Amino acid sequence: MKEIAPVTLELHGVRLEPLAPHHAEGLRAAATDGELWTLRVTSVPEPHEVDGYIFKAYEMRGSRLAFAVVDAATDTVIGTTSYHDIVPAIGRLEIGYTWYAKSRQRTHVNTTCKLLLLTHAFETLGAALVGLRTDNFNHASQAAIERLGAKKDGVLRHHAVRRDGTVRDTVMYSIAAGEWPEIKAQLLYRLARHGRS
């Protein structure tokens, strides 16, 4: 797998650009849209934590490449997503740290972001496998990952601490390179049905 370098990706009015300090105000607004930090099963920062959230993502470079999700028409930050747990030696990476402003959920945004990230991972970087993970109680996220066509690998029990101090089980999924053409076709079909061809 090629080395992962910062890149900007754009499709259907959604732009992914490397997350940077100048995105902080927009990320605060996106988190406030729905008070997403109050959701028990996500790791969305509170508005006063956003600068630290961006700094931590920057500190993790090498094993993580974080993106701001931007509405290209208005240059409005509407969320964030990342490549993470990058292991070039075996061609593996994961997509996660993903959240969007409540007003952008259940729109074409997530499908478009996943199409951009998966296309870049498999077709440019040469990934052998892309993983995704979520909280065992985040049923909406599990359903979204399963709609992508990812296969459920299993559950890591007692795996990570939640914001409220409880310990979550983590549900692991993956997409192998050989499965990508069919999954890509399905993502393109879904976007076309929503007028995003």
Protein backbone atom coordinates (compact mmCIF):
# COMPACT_ATOMS: atom_id res chain seq x y z
CA MET A 1 0.00 0.00 0.00
CA LYS A 2 1.24 3.49 -0.82
CA GLU A 3 2.07 5.93 1.95
CA ILE A 4 -0.94 8.00 2.99
CA ALA A 5 -0.40 11.71 2.43
CA PRO A 6 -2.76 14.63 3.01
CA VAL A 7 -5.19 14.94 0.10
CA THR A 8 -8.36 16.84 -0.76
CA LEU A 9 -11.23 14.82 -2.25
CA GLU A 10 -14.48 16.22 -3.68
CA LEU A 11 -17.71 14.85 -5.15
CA HIS A 12 -21.38 15.85 -5.29
CA GLY A 13 -20.87 19.10 -3.41
CA VAL A 14 -18.97 17.46 -0.54
CA ARG A 15 -15.29 18.21 -0.02
CA LEU A 16 -12.92 16.36 2.29
CA GLU A 17 -9.87 18.41 3.20
CA PRO A 18 -7.17 17.78 5.80
CA LEU A 19 -8.47 18.86 9.22
CA ALA A 20 -6.66 21.98 10.43
CA PRO A 21 -7.01 24.66 13.14
CA HIS A 22 -8.91 26.99 10.80
CA HIS A 23 -11.78 24.44 10.76
CA ALA A 24 -12.37 24.82 14.52
CA GLU A 25 -15.20 27.36 14.40
CA GLY A 26 -17.04 25.41 11.73
CA LEU A 27 -16.58 22.15 13.62
CA ARG A 28 -18.00 23.78 16.76
CA ALA A 29 -21.07 24.84 14.80
CA ALA A 30 -21.46 21.35 13.32
CA ALA A 31 -21.28 19.72 16.76
CA THR A 32 -23.79 22.24 18.14
CA ASP A 33 -26.24 21.32 15.36
CA GLY A 34 -28.02 18.61 17.34
CA GLU A 35 -25.81 18.89 20.46
CA LEU A 36 -24.03 15.77 19.25
CA TRP A 37 -21.70 15.55 22.26
CA THR A 38 -24.71 14.54 24.38
CA LEU A 39 -25.02 11.25 22.49
CA ARG A 40 -23.65 8.49 24.68
CA VAL A 41 -22.37 6.29 21.85
CA THR A 42 -20.27 8.84 19.95
CA SER A 43 -17.06 10.75 20.66
CA VAL A 44 -18.15 14.14 19.31
CA PRO A 45 -16.34 16.94 21.18
CA GLU A 46 -18.16 19.61 23.14
CA PRO A 47 -17.69 23.06 21.56
CA HIS A 48 -14.95 24.04 24.05
CA GLU A 49 -13.09 20.77 23.28
CA VAL A 50 -12.85 21.26 19.51
CA ASP A 51 -9.38 22.84 19.47
CA GLY A 52 -8.03 19.93 21.51
CA TYR A 53 -9.84 17.46 19.24
CA ILE A 54 -8.11 18.93 16.18
CA PHE A 55 -4.73 19.01 17.95
CA LYS A 56 -5.07 15.36 19.00
CA ALA A 57 -5.88 14.36 15.41
CA TYR A 58 -2.75 16.23 14.29
CA GLU A 59 -0.65 14.49 16.96
CA MET A 60 -1.84 11.11 15.63
CA ARG A 61 -0.61 11.77 12.07
CA GLY A 62 1.11 8.71 10.75
CA SER A 63 -1.56 6.45 12.18
CA ARG A 64 -4.45 8.85 11.43
CA LEU A 65 -5.34 11.29 8.66
CA ALA A 66 -8.30 13.45 9.71
CA PHE A 67 -10.53 15.35 7.30
CA ALA A 68 -12.96 18.22 7.67
CA VAL A 69 -16.18 17.47 5.77
CA VAL A 70 -17.14 20.67 3.96
CA ASP A 71 -20.21 21.74 1.99
CA ALA A 72 -18.38 22.82 -1.16
CA ALA A 73 -21.07 25.29 -2.25
CA THR A 74 -20.93 27.34 0.97
CA ASP A 75 -17.52 26.35 2.44
CA THR A 76 -19.38 25.34 5.60
CA VAL A 77 -17.82 22.66 7.81
CA ILE A 78 -20.48 20.00 8.34
CA GLY A 79 -18.52 17.26 10.10
CA THR A 80 -15.35 15.24 10.17
CA THR A 81 -14.03 11.78 9.28
CA SER A 82 -10.65 10.05 9.28
CA TYR A 83 -8.47 7.29 8.03
CA HIS A 84 -6.99 5.69 11.16
CA ASP A 85 -5.17 2.62 12.44
CA ILE A 86 -3.14 2.74 9.23
CA VAL A 87 -0.86 -0.29 8.77
CA PRO A 88 0.91 0.11 5.40
CA ALA A 89 2.89 -3.15 5.75
CA ILE A 90 -0.29 -5.21 5.39
CA GLY A 91 -2.35 -2.73 3.34
CA ARG A 92 -4.89 -2.09 6.09
CA LEU A 93 -6.54 1.06 7.33
CA GLU A 94 -9.82 1.98 8.97
CA ILE A 95 -12.38 4.72 8.39
CA GLY A 96 -13.81 6.27 11.52
CA TYR A 97 -13.98 9.26 13.86
CA THR A 98 -16.94 10.15 11.65
CA TRP A 99 -19.73 12.51 12.60
CA TYR A 100 -21.89 15.06 10.84
CA ALA A 101 -24.09 17.96 11.90
CA LYS A 102 -27.58 16.63 12.67
CA SER A 103 -29.06 18.57 9.74
CA ARG A 104 -26.73 16.68 7.35
CA GLN A 105 -27.49 13.21 8.68
CA ARG A 106 -29.66 10.97 6.50
CA THR A 107 -28.64 12.93 3.40
CA HIS A 108 -26.23 12.02 0.60
CA VAL A 109 -23.28 13.28 2.69
CA ASN A 110 -22.26 10.03 4.41
CA THR A 111 -22.64 7.92 1.25
CA THR A 112 -20.56 10.47 -0.69
CA CYS A 113 -17.84 10.57 1.98
CA LYS A 114 -17.60 6.80 2.10
CA LEU A 115 -17.43 6.62 -1.70
CA LEU A 116 -14.60 9.18 -1.73
CA LEU A 117 -12.63 7.52 1.08
CA LEU A 118 -13.08 3.95 -0.13
CA THR A 119 -12.25 4.86 -3.73
CA HIS A 120 -9.06 6.61 -2.63
CA ALA A 121 -8.13 3.75 -0.27
CA PHE A 122 -8.60 0.94 -2.77
CA GLU A 123 -7.88 2.60 -6.13
CA THR A 124 -5.15 5.10 -5.27
CA LEU A 125 -3.48 3.78 -2.13
CA GLY A 126 -3.86 0.10 -3.02
CA ALA A 127 -5.38 -0.97 0.31
CA ALA A 128 -6.06 -4.67 0.75
CA LEU A 129 -8.69 -4.12 3.43
CA VAL A 130 -10.60 -1.20 4.97
CA GLY A 131 -12.02 -1.61 8.46
CA LEU A 132 -14.84 0.22 10.22
CA ARG A 133 -15.85 0.04 13.87
CA THR A 134 -18.60 1.33 16.11
CA ASP A 135 -20.06 1.16 19.60
CA ASN A 136 -22.20 -1.94 20.22
CA PHE A 137 -25.10 0.34 21.22
CA ASN A 138 -24.76 2.62 18.19
CA HIS A 139 -27.37 0.77 16.15
CA ALA A 140 -27.73 3.60 13.61
CA SER A 141 -24.01 3.44 12.83
CA GLN A 142 -24.08 -0.35 12.57
CA ALA A 143 -26.99 -0.15 10.12
CA ALA A 144 -25.18 2.48 8.04
CA ILE A 145 -22.00 0.36 7.90
CA GLU A 146 -24.00 -2.73 6.94
CA ARG A 147 -25.78 -0.75 4.19
CA LEU A 148 -22.33 -0.07 2.72
CA GLY A 149 -21.90 -3.81 2.26
CA ALA A 150 -19.18 -4.21 4.89
CA LYS A 151 -18.87 -7.63 6.52
CA LYS A 152 -19.16 -7.97 10.28
CA ASP A 153 -15.91 -9.41 11.62
CA GLY A 154 -16.96 -9.69 15.24
CA VAL A 155 -17.14 -7.87 18.55
CA LEU A 156 -14.22 -6.77 20.72
CA ARG A 157 -15.60 -7.04 24.23
CA HIS A 158 -14.72 -4.52 26.95
CA HIS A 159 -12.74 -2.54 24.39
CA ALA A 160 -12.92 1.24 24.97
CA VAL A 161 -14.08 3.78 27.53
CA ARG A 162 -17.08 5.93 26.66
CA ARG A 163 -17.44 9.59 27.58
CA ASP A 164 -19.64 8.64 30.56
CA GLY A 165 -16.99 6.28 31.97
CA THR A 166 -18.69 3.02 30.98
CA VAL A 167 -16.75 0.53 28.88
CA ARG A 168 -18.09 -0.32 25.47
CA ASP A 169 -17.92 -3.38 23.28
CA THR A 170 -16.75 -2.48 19.75
CA VAL A 171 -18.36 -3.99 16.66
CA MET A 172 -15.78 -4.51 13.89
CA TYR A 173 -16.50 -4.57 10.16
CA SER A 174 -14.36 -4.71 7.03
CA ILE A 175 -14.36 -4.47 3.26
CA ALA A 176 -11.75 -6.44 1.29
CA ALA A 177 -10.31 -5.18 -1.99
CA GLY A 178 -12.06 -7.94 -3.93
CA GLU A 179 -15.43 -6.80 -2.58
CA TRP A 180 -14.89 -3.16 -3.54
CA PRO A 181 -16.17 -3.21 -7.17
CA GLU A 182 -19.63 -4.47 -6.12
CA ILE A 183 -19.80 -2.12 -3.13
CA LYS A 184 -18.75 0.81 -5.33
CA ALA A 185 -21.47 -0.03 -7.84
CA GLN A 186 -24.04 -0.09 -5.03
CA LEU A 187 -22.88 3.27 -3.61
CA LEU A 188 -23.07 4.86 -7.08
CA TYR A 189 -26.56 3.39 -7.53
CA ARG A 190 -27.71 4.79 -4.19
CA LEU A 191 -26.37 8.24 -5.02
CA ALA A 192 -27.97 8.17 -8.49
CA ARG A 193 -31.34 7.36 -6.90
CA HIS A 194 -30.97 10.52 -4.85
CA GLY A 195 -30.18 12.60 -7.93
CA ARG A 196 -26.41 12.60 -7.37
CA SER A 197 -25.14 10.95 -10.54
